[in-house]
Amino acid sequence: MIIESQELPPIGTNAFALIEPSRKECVIVDAPAEAYDWAMQVAQQHGCQIVALILTHGHWDHILDGHKFAAAGIPTYGHLADTEMFAAPSKMASYAIPGLDLLPVPIDHWIKAGDTLDLLGDQLEIRHVPGHCPGNILVYVASAQAAIVGDVIFAGSVGRYDLPGGDFSVLEQSIKTQVYTLPDATVIYPGHGPNTSVAEEKGGNPFVRA
């Protein structure tokens, strides 16, 4: 599996492409502004078909281009706890950048903790990691030693917990029980900033100690 990423506007949110060359398929994770065009370029470069869009959570900066994937017939996945944000993102206008078109994202498949998605000829494990927001999930691909985690944890930091639905104690518990329990060699692909690893964060994250 090949994992590509791109930092996208308007606030430097990462989008990811999980590419399986042997099947000529890819899965996109998160949809900031310009993610659809980027994903189409990735698909063309690798000669693959986009078979799913997985949204790690419903915050506006992660779903701005989500409606474009849905309109193209690409199956969308999200957690039920963020239903309102997917369905009525305009309610996030108070903490979004002014002037953005916050369009609803239809979700085809509601995912929950413990689900395994059979995609790319592999198994993508879903872990529920609330605390940044109620519906944050991470996608763990054991065969690739990779976890795409949304905004639950960053390199040397953690996600905000001062937005609606945020709670530090819940976030801390999510990180300890769902992130730090992954194998130490697992690469963490966060929603913002550079990649890190489970070992690095367990050893030095100042916000949540292992």
N, C-alpha and C. Protein backbone atom coordinates (compact mmCIF):
# COMPACT_ATOMS: atom_id res chain seq x y z
N MET A 1 0.84 -1.20 0.00
CA MET A 1 0.00 0.00 0.00
C MET A 1 0.88 1.25 0.00
N ILE A 2 0.46 2.22 -0.78
CA ILE A 2 1.13 3.52 -0.83
C ILE A 2 0.22 4.52 -0.12
N ILE A 3 0.80 5.37 0.73
CA ILE A 3 0.03 6.42 1.39
C ILE A 3 0.60 7.76 0.97
N GLU A 4 -0.24 8.57 0.35
CA GLU A 4 0.15 9.92 -0.04
C GLU A 4 -0.68 10.91 0.76
N SER A 5 -0.11 12.08 0.99
CA SER A 5 -0.83 13.11 1.73
C SER A 5 -0.62 14.47 1.08
N GLN A 6 -1.53 15.37 1.39
CA GLN A 6 -1.42 16.73 0.88
C GLN A 6 -2.03 17.69 1.90
N GLU A 7 -1.27 18.71 2.26
CA GLU A 7 -1.80 19.76 3.13
C GLU A 7 -2.59 20.74 2.27
N LEU A 8 -3.83 21.00 2.67
CA LEU A 8 -4.74 21.76 1.82
C LEU A 8 -5.35 22.94 2.57
N PRO A 9 -5.84 23.94 1.82
CA PRO A 9 -6.44 25.11 2.43
C PRO A 9 -7.81 24.81 3.02
N PRO A 10 -8.36 25.74 3.79
CA PRO A 10 -7.79 27.06 4.08
C PRO A 10 -6.92 27.13 5.32
N ILE A 11 -6.83 26.05 6.12
CA ILE A 11 -6.05 26.14 7.36
C ILE A 11 -5.06 24.98 7.50
N GLY A 12 -4.55 24.49 6.38
CA GLY A 12 -3.52 23.46 6.44
C GLY A 12 -4.00 22.14 6.98
N THR A 13 -5.11 21.66 6.43
CA THR A 13 -5.67 20.37 6.83
C THR A 13 -5.15 19.28 5.90
N ASN A 14 -4.74 18.17 6.45
CA ASN A 14 -4.18 17.08 5.65
C ASN A 14 -5.27 16.18 5.08
N ALA A 15 -5.12 15.85 3.81
CA ALA A 15 -5.93 14.80 3.17
C ALA A 15 -4.99 13.66 2.83
N PHE A 16 -5.53 12.45 2.82
CA PHE A 16 -4.71 11.26 2.58
C PHE A 16 -5.31 10.38 1.50
N ALA A 17 -4.43 9.72 0.77
CA ALA A 17 -4.85 8.73 -0.23
C ALA A 17 -4.17 7.41 0.11
N LEU A 18 -4.97 6.39 0.35
CA LEU A 18 -4.46 5.03 0.56
C LEU A 18 -4.59 4.31 -0.77
N ILE A 19 -3.47 3.94 -1.36
CA ILE A 19 -3.45 3.43 -2.73
C ILE A 19 -2.98 1.99 -2.74
N GLU A 20 -3.75 1.13 -3.39
CA GLU A 20 -3.36 -0.26 -3.56
C GLU A 20 -3.12 -0.52 -5.05
N PRO A 21 -1.86 -0.42 -5.50
CA PRO A 21 -1.57 -0.53 -6.93
C PRO A 21 -2.01 -1.86 -7.54
N SER A 22 -1.94 -2.94 -6.76
CA SER A 22 -2.28 -4.25 -7.32
C SER A 22 -3.75 -4.36 -7.69
N ARG A 23 -4.58 -3.54 -7.06
CA ARG A 23 -6.02 -3.55 -7.34
C ARG A 23 -6.47 -2.33 -8.13
N LYS A 24 -5.53 -1.40 -8.32
CA LYS A 24 -5.84 -0.13 -9.00
C LYS A 24 -7.02 0.57 -8.31
N GLU A 25 -6.94 0.62 -6.99
CA GLU A 25 -7.97 1.26 -6.18
C GLU A 25 -7.32 2.17 -5.14
N CYS A 26 -8.07 3.19 -4.72
CA CYS A 26 -7.59 4.03 -3.63
C CYS A 26 -8.76 4.51 -2.78
N VAL A 27 -8.44 4.80 -1.54
CA VAL A 27 -9.39 5.36 -0.58
C VAL A 27 -8.86 6.71 -0.15
N ILE A 28 -9.73 7.71 -0.14
CA ILE A 28 -9.37 9.04 0.32
C ILE A 28 -9.86 9.22 1.75
N VAL A 29 -9.02 9.81 2.58
CA VAL A 29 -9.41 10.10 3.96
C VAL A 29 -9.35 11.62 4.17
N ASP A 30 -10.51 12.18 4.45
CA ASP A 30 -10.75 13.60 4.70
C ASP A 30 -10.75 14.44 3.42
N ALA A 31 -11.53 15.52 3.49
CA ALA A 31 -11.82 16.29 2.28
C ALA A 31 -11.80 17.79 2.54
N PRO A 32 -10.61 18.35 2.82
CA PRO A 32 -10.50 19.81 2.92
C PRO A 32 -10.77 20.46 1.56
N ALA A 33 -10.73 21.77 1.51
CA ALA A 33 -10.86 22.47 0.24
C ALA A 33 -9.79 21.97 -0.72
N GLU A 34 -10.17 21.79 -1.97
CA GLU A 34 -9.29 21.34 -3.07
C GLU A 34 -8.95 19.85 -3.00
N ALA A 35 -9.53 19.13 -2.02
CA ALA A 35 -9.22 17.70 -1.90
C ALA A 35 -9.72 16.90 -3.09
N TYR A 36 -10.86 17.29 -3.63
CA TYR A 36 -11.42 16.52 -4.75
C TYR A 36 -10.48 16.57 -5.96
N ASP A 37 -10.03 17.78 -6.31
CA ASP A 37 -9.12 17.90 -7.46
C ASP A 37 -7.81 17.16 -7.20
N TRP A 38 -7.29 17.28 -5.98
CA TRP A 38 -6.06 16.56 -5.63
C TRP A 38 -6.27 15.06 -5.75
N ALA A 39 -7.39 14.56 -5.24
CA ALA A 39 -7.67 13.13 -5.29
C ALA A 39 -7.78 12.63 -6.73
N MET A 40 -8.38 13.44 -7.58
CA MET A 40 -8.50 13.05 -8.99
C MET A 40 -7.11 12.96 -9.64
N GLN A 41 -6.23 13.88 -9.27
CA GLN A 41 -4.86 13.84 -9.80
C GLN A 41 -4.12 12.59 -9.33
N VAL A 42 -4.28 12.28 -8.05
CA VAL A 42 -3.64 11.07 -7.49
C VAL A 42 -4.16 9.83 -8.21
N ALA A 43 -5.48 9.77 -8.39
CA ALA A 43 -6.08 8.61 -9.05
C ALA A 43 -5.56 8.46 -10.48
N GLN A 44 -5.43 9.59 -11.17
CA GLN A 44 -4.93 9.55 -12.54
C GLN A 44 -3.46 9.12 -12.58
N GLN A 45 -2.67 9.66 -11.67
CA GLN A 45 -1.24 9.33 -11.65
C GLN A 45 -1.00 7.84 -11.40
N HIS A 46 -1.83 7.25 -10.57
CA HIS A 46 -1.65 5.84 -10.20
C HIS A 46 -2.55 4.91 -11.00
N GLY A 47 -3.36 5.49 -11.88
CA GLY A 47 -4.27 4.67 -12.68
C GLY A 47 -5.25 3.89 -11.83
N CYS A 48 -5.76 4.54 -10.77
CA CYS A 48 -6.64 3.83 -9.85
C CYS A 48 -8.01 4.50 -9.75
N GLN A 49 -8.95 3.74 -9.24
CA GLN A 49 -10.31 4.22 -9.01
C GLN A 49 -10.49 4.53 -7.53
N ILE A 50 -11.14 5.66 -7.23
CA ILE A 50 -11.44 6.01 -5.84
C ILE A 50 -12.68 5.24 -5.42
N VAL A 51 -12.54 4.39 -4.41
CA VAL A 51 -13.65 3.52 -4.01
C VAL A 51 -14.33 3.97 -2.73
N ALA A 52 -13.76 4.96 -2.04
CA ALA A 52 -14.39 5.43 -0.81
C ALA A 52 -13.77 6.75 -0.36
N LEU A 53 -14.59 7.55 0.32
CA LEU A 53 -14.12 8.71 1.07
C LEU A 53 -14.49 8.47 2.53
N ILE A 54 -13.48 8.40 3.39
CA ILE A 54 -13.71 8.25 4.82
C ILE A 54 -13.42 9.59 5.49
N LEU A 55 -14.38 10.07 6.26
CA LEU A 55 -14.22 11.33 6.97
C LEU A 55 -13.92 11.03 8.44
N THR A 56 -12.77 11.49 8.92
CA THR A 56 -12.39 11.18 10.30
C THR A 56 -13.30 11.86 11.30
N HIS A 57 -13.86 13.00 10.93
CA HIS A 57 -14.85 13.67 11.77
C HIS A 57 -15.52 14.76 10.96
N GLY A 58 -16.49 15.44 11.59
CA GLY A 58 -17.34 16.35 10.85
C GLY A 58 -16.95 17.81 10.86
N HIS A 59 -15.81 18.17 11.43
CA HIS A 59 -15.45 19.58 11.47
C HIS A 59 -15.29 20.14 10.06
N TRP A 60 -15.66 21.39 9.93
CA TRP A 60 -15.79 22.02 8.62
C TRP A 60 -14.55 21.88 7.75
N ASP A 61 -13.35 22.02 8.34
CA ASP A 61 -12.14 22.01 7.52
C ASP A 61 -11.80 20.63 6.97
N HIS A 62 -12.45 19.60 7.49
CA HIS A 62 -12.22 18.23 7.01
C HIS A 62 -13.26 17.76 6.01
N ILE A 63 -14.32 18.56 5.81
CA ILE A 63 -15.43 18.10 4.96
C ILE A 63 -15.78 19.06 3.83
N LEU A 64 -15.00 20.13 3.65
CA LEU A 64 -15.36 21.18 2.69
C LEU A 64 -15.62 20.63 1.29
N ASP A 65 -14.83 19.68 0.85
CA ASP A 65 -15.00 19.11 -0.50
C ASP A 65 -15.78 17.80 -0.49
N GLY A 66 -16.31 17.42 0.65
CA GLY A 66 -17.00 16.14 0.75
C GLY A 66 -18.17 16.00 -0.20
N HIS A 67 -18.91 17.09 -0.40
CA HIS A 67 -20.07 17.03 -1.29
C HIS A 67 -19.67 16.72 -2.73
N LYS A 68 -18.46 17.08 -3.12
CA LYS A 68 -18.01 16.80 -4.49
C LYS A 68 -17.79 15.30 -4.69
N PHE A 69 -17.22 14.65 -3.70
CA PHE A 69 -17.04 13.19 -3.78
C PHE A 69 -18.40 12.50 -3.84
N ALA A 70 -19.33 12.96 -3.01
CA ALA A 70 -20.67 12.36 -2.99
C ALA A 70 -21.36 12.55 -4.33
N ALA A 71 -21.23 13.75 -4.91
CA ALA A 71 -21.87 14.03 -6.19
C ALA A 71 -21.29 13.17 -7.31
N ALA A 72 -20.03 12.76 -7.15
CA ALA A 72 -19.38 11.90 -8.15
C ALA A 72 -19.72 10.43 -7.95
N GLY A 73 -20.54 10.14 -6.94
CA GLY A 73 -20.94 8.75 -6.71
C GLY A 73 -19.96 7.94 -5.89
N ILE A 74 -19.00 8.61 -5.26
CA ILE A 74 -18.02 7.91 -4.43
C ILE A 74 -18.63 7.67 -3.05
N PRO A 75 -18.68 6.43 -2.58
CA PRO A 75 -19.28 6.14 -1.28
C PRO A 75 -18.57 6.89 -0.15
N THR A 76 -19.37 7.45 0.75
CA THR A 76 -18.83 8.23 1.86
C THR A 76 -19.08 7.52 3.18
N TYR A 77 -18.13 7.68 4.10
CA TYR A 77 -18.18 7.03 5.41
C TYR A 77 -17.95 8.06 6.50
N GLY A 78 -18.73 7.99 7.58
CA GLY A 78 -18.55 8.89 8.71
C GLY A 78 -19.19 8.30 9.96
N HIS A 79 -18.88 8.89 11.10
CA HIS A 79 -19.42 8.39 12.38
C HIS A 79 -20.73 9.09 12.71
N LEU A 80 -21.68 8.31 13.20
CA LEU A 80 -23.02 8.80 13.47
C LEU A 80 -23.04 9.95 14.47
N ALA A 81 -22.08 10.00 15.39
CA ALA A 81 -22.07 11.04 16.41
C ALA A 81 -21.85 12.43 15.82
N ASP A 82 -21.35 12.51 14.60
CA ASP A 82 -21.15 13.81 13.95
C ASP A 82 -22.20 14.08 12.88
N THR A 83 -23.34 13.42 12.99
CA THR A 83 -24.40 13.56 11.99
C THR A 83 -24.75 15.01 11.71
N GLU A 84 -24.93 15.80 12.76
CA GLU A 84 -25.37 17.18 12.57
C GLU A 84 -24.35 18.00 11.79
N MET A 85 -23.07 17.77 12.04
CA MET A 85 -22.04 18.52 11.32
C MET A 85 -22.01 18.15 9.84
N PHE A 86 -22.20 16.86 9.54
CA PHE A 86 -22.25 16.45 8.13
C PHE A 86 -23.50 17.00 7.43
N ALA A 87 -24.62 16.99 8.14
CA ALA A 87 -25.90 17.35 7.53
C ALA A 87 -26.14 18.86 7.49
N ALA A 88 -25.62 19.58 8.47
CA ALA A 88 -25.87 21.03 8.54
C ALA A 88 -24.59 21.75 8.95
N PRO A 89 -23.57 21.71 8.10
CA PRO A 89 -22.28 22.31 8.46
C PRO A 89 -22.34 23.82 8.67
N SER A 90 -23.38 24.47 8.15
CA SER A 90 -23.50 25.92 8.35
C SER A 90 -23.59 26.27 9.83
N LYS A 91 -23.98 25.30 10.66
CA LYS A 91 -24.04 25.54 12.10
C LYS A 91 -22.65 25.71 12.70
N MET A 92 -21.62 25.38 11.94
CA MET A 92 -20.25 25.58 12.41
C MET A 92 -19.69 26.93 11.99
N ALA A 93 -20.52 27.78 11.38
CA ALA A 93 -20.04 29.06 10.85
C ALA A 93 -19.41 29.94 11.93
N SER A 94 -19.86 29.78 13.17
CA SER A 94 -19.34 30.63 14.24
C SER A 94 -17.86 30.38 14.51
N TYR A 95 -17.35 29.21 14.15
CA TYR A 95 -15.92 28.96 14.35
C TYR A 95 -15.22 28.52 13.06
N ALA A 96 -15.85 28.80 11.93
CA ALA A 96 -15.21 28.58 10.63
C ALA A 96 -14.73 29.91 10.07
N ILE A 97 -13.93 29.84 9.01
CA ILE A 97 -13.48 31.06 8.35
C ILE A 97 -14.68 31.71 7.67
N PRO A 98 -14.91 33.01 7.88
CA PRO A 98 -16.08 33.67 7.28
C PRO A 98 -16.07 33.58 5.76
N GLY A 99 -17.26 33.45 5.18
CA GLY A 99 -17.41 33.48 3.74
C GLY A 99 -17.31 32.14 3.04
N LEU A 100 -17.06 31.07 3.76
CA LEU A 100 -16.96 29.75 3.13
C LEU A 100 -18.34 29.18 2.83
N ASP A 101 -18.42 28.42 1.75
CA ASP A 101 -19.64 27.67 1.44
C ASP A 101 -19.57 26.34 2.19
N LEU A 102 -20.35 26.23 3.25
CA LEU A 102 -20.36 25.01 4.06
C LEU A 102 -21.54 24.16 3.61
N LEU A 103 -21.28 23.21 2.72
CA LEU A 103 -22.34 22.42 2.11
C LEU A 103 -22.44 21.05 2.78
N PRO A 104 -23.67 20.54 2.91
CA PRO A 104 -23.87 19.23 3.54
C PRO A 104 -23.15 18.11 2.79
N VAL A 105 -22.75 17.10 3.54
CA VAL A 105 -22.12 15.92 2.96
C VAL A 105 -22.99 14.70 3.25
N PRO A 106 -23.63 14.13 2.22
CA PRO A 106 -24.41 12.91 2.46
C PRO A 106 -23.48 11.76 2.85
N ILE A 107 -23.83 11.05 3.90
CA ILE A 107 -23.04 9.90 4.35
C ILE A 107 -23.76 8.62 3.94
N ASP A 108 -23.08 7.79 3.17
CA ASP A 108 -23.67 6.53 2.71
C ASP A 108 -23.55 5.41 3.74
N HIS A 109 -22.44 5.43 4.48
CA HIS A 109 -22.16 4.34 5.42
C HIS A 109 -21.78 4.92 6.77
N TRP A 110 -22.58 4.65 7.79
CA TRP A 110 -22.26 5.10 9.14
C TRP A 110 -21.37 4.05 9.80
N ILE A 111 -20.23 4.50 10.32
CA ILE A 111 -19.27 3.58 10.91
C ILE A 111 -19.19 3.80 12.42
N LYS A 112 -18.76 2.77 13.12
CA LYS A 112 -18.68 2.84 14.58
C LYS A 112 -17.45 2.09 15.06
N ALA A 113 -17.18 2.24 16.34
CA ALA A 113 -16.03 1.57 16.94
C ALA A 113 -16.10 0.07 16.71
N GLY A 114 -14.97 -0.49 16.32
CA GLY A 114 -14.91 -1.94 16.11
C GLY A 114 -15.24 -2.39 14.71
N ASP A 115 -15.74 -1.48 13.88
CA ASP A 115 -16.02 -1.85 12.50
C ASP A 115 -14.72 -2.15 11.76
N THR A 116 -14.81 -3.05 10.81
CA THR A 116 -13.71 -3.32 9.89
C THR A 116 -14.23 -3.13 8.48
N LEU A 117 -13.60 -2.24 7.74
CA LEU A 117 -14.01 -1.98 6.37
C LEU A 117 -13.16 -2.82 5.43
N ASP A 118 -13.81 -3.62 4.62
CA ASP A 118 -13.11 -4.44 3.64
C ASP A 118 -12.93 -3.62 2.37
N LEU A 119 -11.81 -2.93 2.30
CA LEU A 119 -11.50 -2.06 1.17
C LEU A 119 -10.06 -2.29 0.74
N LEU A 120 -9.79 -2.09 -0.53
CA LEU A 120 -8.44 -2.21 -1.09
C LEU A 120 -7.87 -3.61 -0.92
N GLY A 121 -8.74 -4.61 -0.78
CA GLY A 121 -8.26 -5.96 -0.54
C GLY A 121 -7.62 -6.12 0.82
N ASP A 122 -7.94 -5.22 1.72
CA ASP A 122 -7.35 -5.18 3.06
C ASP A 122 -8.47 -4.98 4.07
N GLN A 123 -8.09 -4.90 5.33
CA GLN A 123 -9.05 -4.61 6.39
C GLN A 123 -8.65 -3.33 7.09
N LEU A 124 -9.55 -2.36 7.05
CA LEU A 124 -9.31 -1.07 7.68
C LEU A 124 -10.10 -1.05 8.99
N GLU A 125 -9.38 -1.02 10.10
CA GLU A 125 -10.01 -1.06 11.41
C GLU A 125 -10.42 0.35 11.84
N ILE A 126 -11.65 0.49 12.31
CA ILE A 126 -12.15 1.77 12.79
C ILE A 126 -12.11 1.79 14.31
N ARG A 127 -11.47 2.83 14.85
CA ARG A 127 -11.47 3.05 16.30
C ARG A 127 -12.12 4.40 16.58
N HIS A 128 -13.02 4.44 17.55
CA HIS A 128 -13.70 5.68 17.91
C HIS A 128 -12.84 6.43 18.92
N VAL A 129 -12.50 7.68 18.60
CA VAL A 129 -11.60 8.47 19.45
C VAL A 129 -12.21 9.85 19.72
N PRO A 130 -13.32 9.91 20.46
CA PRO A 130 -13.94 11.21 20.75
C PRO A 130 -13.09 12.03 21.71
N GLY A 131 -13.49 13.28 21.89
CA GLY A 131 -12.79 14.20 22.78
C GLY A 131 -12.50 15.50 22.08
N HIS A 132 -12.00 15.42 20.84
CA HIS A 132 -11.88 16.61 20.00
C HIS A 132 -13.27 16.99 19.52
N CYS A 133 -14.03 16.00 19.11
CA CYS A 133 -15.45 16.13 18.81
C CYS A 133 -16.06 14.74 19.00
N PRO A 134 -17.38 14.65 19.07
CA PRO A 134 -18.00 13.36 19.42
C PRO A 134 -17.74 12.23 18.44
N GLY A 135 -17.57 12.55 17.15
CA GLY A 135 -17.50 11.49 16.15
C GLY A 135 -16.14 11.26 15.54
N ASN A 136 -15.07 11.73 16.18
CA ASN A 136 -13.73 11.50 15.61
C ASN A 136 -13.41 10.01 15.63
N ILE A 137 -12.97 9.52 14.48
CA ILE A 137 -12.52 8.13 14.37
C ILE A 137 -11.08 8.11 13.86
N LEU A 138 -10.40 7.00 14.07
CA LEU A 138 -9.13 6.79 13.40
C LEU A 138 -9.26 5.54 12.54
N VAL A 139 -8.49 5.52 11.48
CA VAL A 139 -8.46 4.38 10.55
C VAL A 139 -7.10 3.71 10.70
N TYR A 140 -7.11 2.47 11.17
CA TYR A 140 -5.87 1.73 11.39
C TYR A 140 -5.72 0.65 10.33
N VAL A 141 -4.57 0.68 9.64
CA VAL A 141 -4.27 -0.32 8.62
C VAL A 141 -3.04 -1.09 9.11
N ALA A 142 -3.27 -2.24 9.70
CA ALA A 142 -2.18 -3.00 10.32
C ALA A 142 -1.11 -3.38 9.32
N SER A 143 -1.52 -3.77 8.11
CA SER A 143 -0.56 -4.22 7.11
C SER A 143 0.40 -3.12 6.68
N ALA A 144 -0.03 -1.87 6.82
CA ALA A 144 0.80 -0.72 6.45
C ALA A 144 1.42 -0.04 7.66
N GLN A 145 1.13 -0.55 8.85
CA GLN A 145 1.60 0.07 10.10
C GLN A 145 1.25 1.56 10.12
N ALA A 146 -0.02 1.85 9.83
CA ALA A 146 -0.46 3.23 9.66
C ALA A 146 -1.78 3.48 10.37
N ALA A 147 -1.90 4.66 10.97
CA ALA A 147 -3.15 5.10 11.57
C ALA A 147 -3.42 6.53 11.14
N ILE A 148 -4.53 6.74 10.45
CA ILE A 148 -4.96 8.09 10.06
C ILE A 148 -5.94 8.52 11.13
N VAL A 149 -5.59 9.56 11.89
CA VAL A 149 -6.24 9.78 13.19
C VAL A 149 -7.12 11.02 13.29
N GLY A 150 -7.26 11.79 12.21
CA GLY A 150 -8.03 13.03 12.35
C GLY A 150 -7.33 13.98 13.30
N ASP A 151 -8.11 14.61 14.19
CA ASP A 151 -7.53 15.64 15.06
C ASP A 151 -7.44 15.20 16.52
N VAL A 152 -7.37 13.90 16.77
CA VAL A 152 -7.28 13.46 18.16
C VAL A 152 -5.89 13.71 18.74
N ILE A 153 -4.85 13.53 17.93
CA ILE A 153 -3.48 13.71 18.40
C ILE A 153 -2.62 14.21 17.24
N PHE A 154 -1.63 15.04 17.59
CA PHE A 154 -0.67 15.56 16.61
C PHE A 154 0.74 15.26 17.12
N ALA A 155 1.72 15.59 16.31
CA ALA A 155 3.11 15.44 16.74
C ALA A 155 3.37 16.38 17.91
N GLY A 156 3.52 15.83 19.10
CA GLY A 156 3.80 16.64 20.28
C GLY A 156 2.64 17.45 20.80
N SER A 157 1.44 17.14 20.36
CA SER A 157 0.29 17.92 20.79
C SER A 157 -0.97 17.07 20.70
N VAL A 158 -2.11 17.68 20.99
CA VAL A 158 -3.40 17.00 20.88
C VAL A 158 -4.40 17.94 20.24
N GLY A 159 -5.54 17.38 19.84
CA GLY A 159 -6.57 18.19 19.21
C GLY A 159 -7.23 19.15 20.19
N ARG A 160 -7.80 20.21 19.64
CA ARG A 160 -8.54 21.17 20.47
C ARG A 160 -9.71 20.47 21.15
N TYR A 161 -10.02 20.94 22.33
CA TYR A 161 -11.17 20.38 23.05
C TYR A 161 -12.07 21.50 23.58
N ASP A 162 -11.89 22.72 23.02
CA ASP A 162 -12.70 23.86 23.45
C ASP A 162 -13.84 24.17 22.49
N LEU A 163 -14.00 23.36 21.45
CA LEU A 163 -15.10 23.53 20.51
C LEU A 163 -16.30 22.70 20.97
N PRO A 164 -17.49 22.97 20.43
CA PRO A 164 -18.67 22.20 20.85
C PRO A 164 -18.44 20.69 20.75
N GLY A 165 -18.75 19.99 21.83
CA GLY A 165 -18.55 18.54 21.86
C GLY A 165 -17.18 18.10 22.30
N GLY A 166 -16.28 19.06 22.54
CA GLY A 166 -14.93 18.72 22.97
C GLY A 166 -14.85 18.51 24.48
N ASP A 167 -13.93 17.66 24.91
CA ASP A 167 -13.79 17.35 26.34
C ASP A 167 -12.41 16.73 26.54
N PHE A 168 -11.55 17.41 27.32
CA PHE A 168 -10.17 16.91 27.45
C PHE A 168 -10.11 15.54 28.10
N SER A 169 -10.92 15.31 29.12
CA SER A 169 -10.85 14.01 29.80
C SER A 169 -11.23 12.88 28.86
N VAL A 170 -12.19 13.13 27.98
CA VAL A 170 -12.59 12.13 26.98
C VAL A 170 -11.47 11.96 25.95
N LEU A 171 -10.88 13.08 25.53
CA LEU A 171 -9.77 13.04 24.57
C LEU A 171 -8.60 12.25 25.14
N GLU A 172 -8.25 12.53 26.38
CA GLU A 172 -7.14 11.82 27.03
C GLU A 172 -7.40 10.32 27.08
N GLN A 173 -8.63 9.95 27.42
CA GLN A 173 -8.97 8.54 27.48
C GLN A 173 -8.89 7.89 26.11
N SER A 174 -9.35 8.61 25.07
CA SER A 174 -9.28 8.09 23.70
C SER A 174 -7.84 7.81 23.30
N ILE A 175 -6.96 8.76 23.60
CA ILE A 175 -5.56 8.60 23.22
C ILE A 175 -4.92 7.43 23.96
N LYS A 176 -5.18 7.34 25.26
CA LYS A 176 -4.57 6.27 26.05
C LYS A 176 -5.07 4.89 25.65
N THR A 177 -6.38 4.78 25.36
CA THR A 177 -6.96 3.45 25.12
C THR A 177 -7.02 3.05 23.66
N GLN A 178 -6.99 4.04 22.74
CA GLN A 178 -7.18 3.72 21.33
C GLN A 178 -5.97 4.04 20.46
N VAL A 179 -5.15 5.00 20.87
CA VAL A 179 -3.95 5.36 20.10
C VAL A 179 -2.72 4.68 20.69
N TYR A 180 -2.52 4.85 21.98
CA TYR A 180 -1.32 4.30 22.62
C TYR A 180 -1.34 2.78 22.71
N THR A 181 -2.47 2.16 22.43
CA THR A 181 -2.53 0.69 22.42
C THR A 181 -2.20 0.10 21.06
N LEU A 182 -1.99 0.95 20.06
CA LEU A 182 -1.52 0.47 18.77
C LEU A 182 -0.04 0.11 18.89
N PRO A 183 0.47 -0.73 17.99
CA PRO A 183 1.90 -1.07 18.04
C PRO A 183 2.78 0.18 17.97
N ASP A 184 3.88 0.17 18.72
CA ASP A 184 4.75 1.34 18.80
C ASP A 184 5.24 1.82 17.44
N ALA A 185 5.42 0.89 16.51
CA ALA A 185 5.96 1.25 15.19
C ALA A 185 4.93 1.91 14.29
N THR A 186 3.69 1.97 14.73
CA THR A 186 2.63 2.55 13.89
C THR A 186 2.90 4.01 13.59
N VAL A 187 2.86 4.37 12.32
CA VAL A 187 2.98 5.77 11.91
C VAL A 187 1.63 6.45 12.09
N ILE A 188 1.63 7.59 12.76
CA ILE A 188 0.42 8.38 12.96
C ILE A 188 0.37 9.46 11.90
N TYR A 189 -0.72 9.47 11.14
CA TYR A 189 -0.97 10.48 10.12
C TYR A 189 -2.07 11.40 10.64
N PRO A 190 -1.70 12.58 11.16
CA PRO A 190 -2.70 13.44 11.80
C PRO A 190 -3.37 14.40 10.82
N GLY A 191 -4.44 15.03 11.31
CA GLY A 191 -5.19 15.95 10.46
C GLY A 191 -4.48 17.26 10.19
N HIS A 192 -3.46 17.57 10.98
CA HIS A 192 -2.67 18.79 10.79
C HIS A 192 -1.23 18.49 11.18
N GLY A 193 -0.30 19.09 10.45
CA GLY A 193 1.10 18.96 10.81
C GLY A 193 1.74 17.67 10.33
N PRO A 194 2.99 17.43 10.78
CA PRO A 194 3.77 16.30 10.28
C PRO A 194 3.34 14.97 10.90
N ASN A 195 3.76 13.91 10.25
CA ASN A 195 3.53 12.57 10.79
C ASN A 195 4.36 12.37 12.06
N THR A 196 3.92 11.41 12.85
CA THR A 196 4.67 11.03 14.04
C THR A 196 4.50 9.52 14.20
N SER A 197 4.75 8.99 15.37
CA SER A 197 4.55 7.56 15.60
C SER A 197 3.98 7.34 16.99
N VAL A 198 3.42 6.17 17.19
CA VAL A 198 2.90 5.83 18.52
C VAL A 198 4.02 5.87 19.55
N ALA A 199 5.18 5.32 19.20
CA ALA A 199 6.30 5.31 20.14
C ALA A 199 6.73 6.73 20.52
N GLU A 200 6.81 7.62 19.53
CA GLU A 200 7.23 9.00 19.80
C GLU A 200 6.26 9.69 20.74
N GLU A 201 4.96 9.51 20.50
CA GLU A 201 3.98 10.21 21.33
C GLU A 201 3.88 9.60 22.72
N LYS A 202 3.98 8.30 22.83
CA LYS A 202 3.98 7.67 24.15
C LYS A 202 5.19 8.14 24.97
N GLY A 203 6.28 8.39 24.27
CA GLY A 203 7.51 8.76 24.97
C GLY A 203 7.64 10.23 25.27
N GLY A 204 6.88 11.09 24.56
CA GLY A 204 7.16 12.50 24.73
C GLY A 204 6.01 13.47 24.56
N ASN A 205 4.78 13.00 24.34
CA ASN A 205 3.68 13.96 24.20
C ASN A 205 3.41 14.61 25.55
N PRO A 206 3.54 15.94 25.64
CA PRO A 206 3.42 16.60 26.95
C PRO A 206 1.99 16.69 27.47
N PHE A 207 1.01 16.43 26.61
CA PHE A 207 -0.39 16.57 27.02
C PHE A 207 -0.99 15.28 27.56
N VAL A 208 -0.58 14.16 26.99
CA VAL A 208 -1.12 12.86 27.42
C VAL A 208 0.05 11.89 27.59
N ARG A 209 0.33 11.56 28.82
CA ARG A 209 1.40 10.62 29.12
C ARG A 209 0.90 9.18 28.99
N ALA A 210 1.77 8.32 28.53
CA ALA A 210 1.38 6.91 28.38
C ALA A 210 1.18 6.26 29.75
